[in-house]
Amino acid sequence: MRRIGAIFVACLLVTAVVAAERSAPFDSPIAGFHVVKPAGWSFLTADQNAAAVKGLQLSDKELQEVMEKYATAPLVAMTKYPEPFADVNPSFKVNIKPFGPFKGKDAKEIAGRYPADIAAGLERC
């Protein structure tokens, strides 16, 4: 009977690990945002994100101070490797900001308005 119990527990643990490795959706009905976390990636909590930002060691100290001062908790954040991670860690974060002049416009309309600015920003990444 103990052997069956041990096998059952082992199966539960394997199932939990496999489920954690699968892709997982994130939905925010209020923001109207949906994204699927890739398999093997991890969601970050707000505290983990703040620690990751504070843990950055940039050569430009002024930029680092500004980032730490104005960093806000993202709507959703995920990383390829669990934090803390000693090397470059691919990440995906979504922050929500007030619409300002973009109120009532969809993402395609906003992106179409500034294609050169967006392209230049992407080239710097």
C-alpha atoms as a PDB file:
ATOM      1  CA  MET A   1       0.000   0.000   0.000  1.00  0.00           C
ATOM      2  CA  ARG A   2       2.885   2.374   0.775  1.00  0.00           C
ATOM      3  CA  ARG A   3       4.369   1.659  -2.634  1.00  0.00           C
ATOM      4  CA  ILE A   4       1.117   2.663  -4.355  1.00  0.00           C
ATOM      5  CA  GLY A   5       1.023   5.850  -2.276  1.00  0.00           C
ATOM      6  CA  ALA A   6       4.634   6.669  -3.207  1.00  0.00           C
ATOM      7  CA  ILE A   7       3.914   6.040  -6.897  1.00  0.00           C
ATOM      8  CA  PHE A   8       0.830   8.274  -6.685  1.00  0.00           C
ATOM      9  CA  VAL A   9       2.826  11.113  -5.092  1.00  0.00           C
ATOM     10  CA  ALA A  10       5.577  10.726  -7.711  1.00  0.00           C
ATOM     11  CA  CYS A  11       2.974  10.935 -10.494  1.00  0.00           C
ATOM     12  CA  LEU A  12       1.538  14.106  -8.957  1.00  0.00           C
ATOM     13  CA  LEU A  13       4.986  15.704  -8.804  1.00  0.00           C
ATOM     14  CA  VAL A  14       5.762  14.804 -12.423  1.00  0.00           C
ATOM     15  CA  THR A  15       2.381  16.169 -13.495  1.00  0.00           C
ATOM     16  CA  ALA A  16       3.051  19.434 -11.643  1.00  0.00           C
ATOM     17  CA  VAL A  17       6.458  19.845 -13.305  1.00  0.00           C
ATOM     18  CA  VAL A  18       5.073  19.070 -16.764  1.00  0.00           C
ATOM     19  CA  ALA A  19       2.180  21.499 -16.232  1.00  0.00           C
ATOM     20  CA  ALA A  20       4.613  24.227 -15.185  1.00  0.00           C
ATOM     21  CA  GLU A  21       6.583  23.717 -18.410  1.00  0.00           C
ATOM     22  CA  ARG A  22       3.509  24.150 -20.628  1.00  0.00           C
ATOM     23  CA  SER A  23       2.453  27.425 -22.107  1.00  0.00           C
ATOM     24  CA  ALA A  24      -0.014  29.378 -20.006  1.00  0.00           C
ATOM     25  CA  PRO A  25      -2.339  32.254 -20.867  1.00  0.00           C
ATOM     26  CA  PHE A  26      -2.529  35.613 -19.140  1.00  0.00           C
ATOM     27  CA  ASP A  27      -5.757  37.573 -19.505  1.00  0.00           C
ATOM     28  CA  SER A  28      -6.620  41.069 -18.310  1.00  0.00           C
ATOM     29  CA  PRO A  29     -10.237  41.812 -19.213  1.00  0.00           C
ATOM     30  CA  ILE A  30      -9.935  45.345 -17.803  1.00  0.00           C
ATOM     31  CA  ALA A  31      -6.966  46.192 -20.053  1.00  0.00           C
ATOM     32  CA  GLY A  32      -8.290  44.065 -22.925  1.00  0.00           C
ATOM     33  CA  PHE A  33      -4.984  42.216 -23.086  1.00  0.00           C
ATOM     34  CA  HIS A  34      -4.233  38.537 -23.700  1.00  0.00           C
ATOM     35  CA  VAL A  35      -0.864  36.815 -24.074  1.00  0.00           C
ATOM     36  CA  VAL A  36       0.319  33.212 -23.822  1.00  0.00           C
ATOM     37  CA  LYS A  37       3.477  32.466 -21.853  1.00  0.00           C
ATOM     38  CA  PRO A  38       5.806  30.215 -23.841  1.00  0.00           C
ATOM     39  CA  ALA A  39       6.493  26.768 -22.430  1.00  0.00           C
ATOM     40  CA  GLY A  40       9.498  26.816 -20.124  1.00  0.00           C
ATOM     41  CA  TRP A  41       9.178  30.524 -19.312  1.00  0.00           C
ATOM     42  CA  SER A  42       8.162  31.842 -15.864  1.00  0.00           C
ATOM     43  CA  PHE A  43       5.794  34.594 -14.810  1.00  0.00           C
ATOM     44  CA  LEU A  44       7.332  37.220 -12.512  1.00  0.00           C
ATOM     45  CA  THR A  45       5.582  38.698  -9.495  1.00  0.00           C
ATOM     46  CA  ALA A  46       5.708  42.463  -8.944  1.00  0.00           C
ATOM     47  CA  ASP A  47       8.312  41.923  -6.193  1.00  0.00           C
ATOM     48  CA  GLN A  48      10.466  39.726  -8.443  1.00  0.00           C
ATOM     49  CA  ASN A  49      10.285  42.345 -11.201  1.00  0.00           C
ATOM     50  CA  ALA A  50      11.299  45.139  -8.798  1.00  0.00           C
ATOM     51  CA  ALA A  51      14.227  43.043  -7.546  1.00  0.00           C
ATOM     52  CA  ALA A  52      15.323  42.343 -11.140  1.00  0.00           C
ATOM     53  CA  VAL A  53      15.259  46.067 -11.983  1.00  0.00           C
ATOM     54  CA  LYS A  54      17.228  46.945  -8.834  1.00  0.00           C
ATOM     55  CA  GLY A  55      19.672  44.134  -9.577  1.00  0.00           C
ATOM     56  CA  LEU A  56      20.645  45.596 -12.962  1.00  0.00           C
ATOM     57  CA  GLN A  57      24.230  46.778 -13.149  1.00  0.00           C
ATOM     58  CA  LEU A  58      24.373  49.323 -15.960  1.00  0.00           C
ATOM     59  CA  SER A  59      27.525  51.196 -16.948  1.00  0.00           C
ATOM     60  CA  ASP A  60      25.454  54.412 -17.052  1.00  0.00           C
ATOM     61  CA  LYS A  61      24.748  55.058 -13.356  1.00  0.00           C
ATOM     62  CA  GLU A  62      22.432  57.979 -14.103  1.00  0.00           C
ATOM     63  CA  LEU A  63      20.254  55.799 -16.338  1.00  0.00           C
ATOM     64  CA  GLN A  64      20.223  53.103 -13.680  1.00  0.00           C
ATOM     65  CA  GLU A  65      19.021  55.578 -11.022  1.00  0.00           C
ATOM     66  CA  VAL A  66      16.239  56.825 -13.311  1.00  0.00           C
ATOM     67  CA  MET A  67      15.140  53.262 -14.102  1.00  0.00           C
ATOM     68  CA  GLU A  68      14.991  52.348 -10.416  1.00  0.00           C
ATOM     69  CA  LYS A  69      13.154  55.564  -9.509  1.00  0.00           C
ATOM     70  CA  TYR A  70      10.478  55.362 -12.208  1.00  0.00           C
ATOM     71  CA  ALA A  71      10.063  51.614 -12.618  1.00  0.00           C
ATOM     72  CA  THR A  72       6.474  50.553 -12.149  1.00  0.00           C
ATOM     73  CA  ALA A  73       4.967  47.125 -11.697  1.00  0.00           C
ATOM     74  CA  PRO A  74       4.032  45.765 -15.119  1.00  0.00           C
ATOM     75  CA  LEU A  75       0.634  44.339 -15.983  1.00  0.00           C
ATOM     76  CA  VAL A  76       2.421  41.078 -16.752  1.00  0.00           C
ATOM     77  CA  ALA A  77       6.065  40.048 -16.830  1.00  0.00           C
ATOM     78  CA  MET A  78       7.745  36.805 -17.780  1.00  0.00           C
ATOM     79  CA  THR A  79      11.313  35.603 -18.196  1.00  0.00           C
ATOM     80  CA  LYS A  80      12.900  32.710 -20.000  1.00  0.00           C
ATOM     81  CA  TYR A  81      14.932  31.706 -16.936  1.00  0.00           C
ATOM     82  CA  PRO A  82      13.844  32.004 -13.287  1.00  0.00           C
ATOM     83  CA  GLU A  83      15.136  35.130 -11.533  1.00  0.00           C
ATOM     84  CA  PRO A  84      17.660  35.822 -10.228  1.00  0.00           C
ATOM     85  CA  PHE A  85      19.661  34.848 -13.308  1.00  0.00           C
ATOM     86  CA  ALA A  86      23.350  35.750 -13.615  1.00  0.00           C
ATOM     87  CA  ASP A  87      23.420  36.312 -17.392  1.00  0.00           C
ATOM     88  CA  VAL A  88      21.213  38.005 -19.993  1.00  0.00           C
ATOM     89  CA  ASN A  89      17.670  36.792 -19.431  1.00  0.00           C
ATOM     90  CA  PRO A  90      15.138  37.261 -22.253  1.00  0.00           C
ATOM     91  CA  SER A  91      12.017  38.854 -20.828  1.00  0.00           C
ATOM     92  CA  PHE A  92       8.610  40.156 -21.842  1.00  0.00           C
ATOM     93  CA  LYS A  93       6.859  42.927 -19.898  1.00  0.00           C
ATOM     94  CA  VAL A  94       3.708  44.923 -20.525  1.00  0.00           C
ATOM     95  CA  ASN A  95       3.179  48.254 -18.772  1.00  0.00           C
ATOM     96  CA  ILE A  96      -0.056  50.200 -18.901  1.00  0.00           C
ATOM     97  CA  LYS A  97       0.064  53.981 -19.297  1.00  0.00           C
ATOM     98  CA  PRO A  98      -2.665  56.632 -19.720  1.00  0.00           C
ATOM     99  CA  PHE A  99      -3.866  57.059 -23.311  1.00  0.00           C
ATOM    100  CA  GLY A 100      -3.390  60.830 -23.580  1.00  0.00           C
ATOM    101  CA  PRO A 101      -3.715  61.750 -27.281  1.00  0.00           C
ATOM    102  CA  PHE A 102      -4.261  58.093 -28.208  1.00  0.00           C
ATOM    103  CA  LYS A 103      -7.592  57.713 -26.384  1.00  0.00           C
ATOM    104  CA  GLY A 104     -10.079  55.853 -28.556  1.00  0.00           C
ATOM    105  CA  LYS A 105      -7.474  54.640 -31.050  1.00  0.00           C
ATOM    106  CA  ASP A 106      -6.536  50.981 -31.528  1.00  0.00           C
ATOM    107  CA  ALA A 107      -2.969  49.665 -31.455  1.00  0.00           C
ATOM    108  CA  LYS A 108      -2.690  49.472 -35.262  1.00  0.00           C
ATOM    109  CA  GLU A 109      -3.696  53.088 -35.665  1.00  0.00           C
ATOM    110  CA  ILE A 110      -1.187  54.196 -33.009  1.00  0.00           C
ATOM    111  CA  ALA A 111       1.620  52.093 -34.493  1.00  0.00           C
ATOM    112  CA  GLY A 112       0.804  53.339 -38.015  1.00  0.00           C
ATOM    113  CA  ARG A 113       1.098  56.932 -36.857  1.00  0.00           C
ATOM    114  CA  TYR A 114       4.711  56.553 -35.783  1.00  0.00           C
ATOM    115  CA  PRO A 115       6.309  53.857 -37.994  1.00  0.00           C
ATOM    116  CA  ALA A 116       9.704  55.594 -38.222  1.00  0.00           C
ATOM    117  CA  ASP A 117       9.906  56.089 -34.440  1.00  0.00           C
ATOM    118  CA  ILE A 118       8.941  52.475 -33.786  1.00  0.00           C
ATOM    119  CA  ALA A 119      11.386  51.156 -36.391  1.00  0.00           C
ATOM    120  CA  ALA A 120      14.197  53.258 -34.912  1.00  0.00           C
ATOM    121  CA  GLY A 121      13.370  51.968 -31.427  1.00  0.00           C
ATOM    122  CA  LEU A 122      13.404  48.375 -32.620  1.00  0.00           C
ATOM    123  CA  GLU A 123      16.774  48.856 -34.315  1.00  0.00           C
ATOM    124  CA  ARG A 124      18.265  49.942 -30.968  1.00  0.00           C
ATOM    125  CA  CYS A 125      17.095  46.771 -29.226  1.00  0.00           C
END
